[in-house]
Amino acid sequence: MNNQPYVPPPEVRERLSANLKKTEEEMKEMGKSLDKLLAHLDAQIASQPKRTKQTLPQN
């Protein structure tokens, strides 16, 4: 049994590294988009009138 880790050829490592960098950038962009969405939703919630507890008529 070989205990040495597999090291891919340089061209494969380069491709995988490029894919990883691309994915990292996409994740950063997604994070920014989610931050904008949360800010938008927070603003909408803040601008809504406050709900008050409705009291039912006493019979």
Protein backbone atom coordinates (compact mmCIF):
# COMPACT_ATOMS: atom_id res chain seq x y z
CA MET A 1 0.00 0.00 0.00
CA ASN A 2 1.33 3.41 -1.00
CA ASN A 3 1.06 6.09 1.70
CA GLN A 4 2.27 8.88 -0.57
CA PRO A 5 -0.42 11.43 -1.48
CA TYR A 6 -1.30 11.74 -5.14
CA VAL A 7 0.14 14.89 -6.69
CA PRO A 8 -1.49 15.73 -10.01
CA PRO A 9 0.55 16.97 -12.97
CA PRO A 10 1.29 20.72 -13.13
CA GLU A 11 -1.33 21.40 -15.84
CA VAL A 12 -4.02 19.73 -13.73
CA ARG A 13 -2.94 21.64 -10.62
CA GLU A 14 -3.03 24.89 -12.60
CA ARG A 15 -6.54 24.15 -13.91
CA LEU A 16 -7.82 23.18 -10.47
CA SER A 17 -6.24 26.25 -8.90
CA ALA A 18 -7.85 28.51 -11.54
CA ASN A 19 -11.23 26.86 -10.92
CA LEU A 20 -10.83 27.36 -7.18
CA LYS A 21 -9.99 31.06 -7.63
CA LYS A 22 -12.99 31.51 -9.94
CA THR A 23 -15.28 29.82 -7.43
CA GLU A 24 -13.91 32.00 -4.63
CA GLU A 25 -14.71 35.15 -6.64
CA GLU A 26 -18.21 33.85 -7.41
CA MET A 27 -18.79 33.17 -3.71
CA LYS A 28 -17.64 36.69 -2.83
CA GLU A 29 -20.06 38.14 -5.39
CA MET A 30 -22.86 35.97 -4.03
CA GLY A 31 -22.08 37.21 -0.52
CA LYS A 32 -22.28 40.82 -1.71
CA SER A 33 -25.61 40.11 -3.42
CA LEU A 34 -26.99 38.52 -0.26
CA ASP A 35 -25.81 41.49 1.82
CA LYS A 36 -27.66 43.85 -0.56
CA LEU A 37 -30.78 41.69 -0.38
CA LEU A 38 -30.69 41.64 3.43
CA ALA A 39 -30.25 45.41 3.56
CA HIS A 40 -33.19 45.85 1.18
CA LEU A 41 -35.41 43.53 3.22
CA ASP A 42 -34.39 45.23 6.47
CA ALA A 43 -35.33 48.60 4.97
CA GLN A 44 -38.69 47.28 3.81
CA ILE A 45 -39.44 45.79 7.22
CA ALA A 46 -38.42 49.02 8.94
CA SER A 47 -40.73 51.08 6.71
CA GLN A 48 -43.79 48.93 7.38
CA PRO A 49 -46.22 50.15 9.98
CA LYS A 50 -45.88 48.38 13.28
CA ARG A 51 -48.53 45.77 13.87
CA THR A 52 -50.42 46.12 17.07
CA LYS A 53 -52.03 43.34 18.96
CA GLN A 54 -55.66 43.25 17.94
CA THR A 55 -58.10 42.80 20.74
CA LEU A 56 -61.14 40.70 20.11
CA PRO A 57 -64.47 42.17 21.12
CA GLN A 58 -65.60 40.92 24.51
CA ASN A 59 -68.98 39.16 24.38
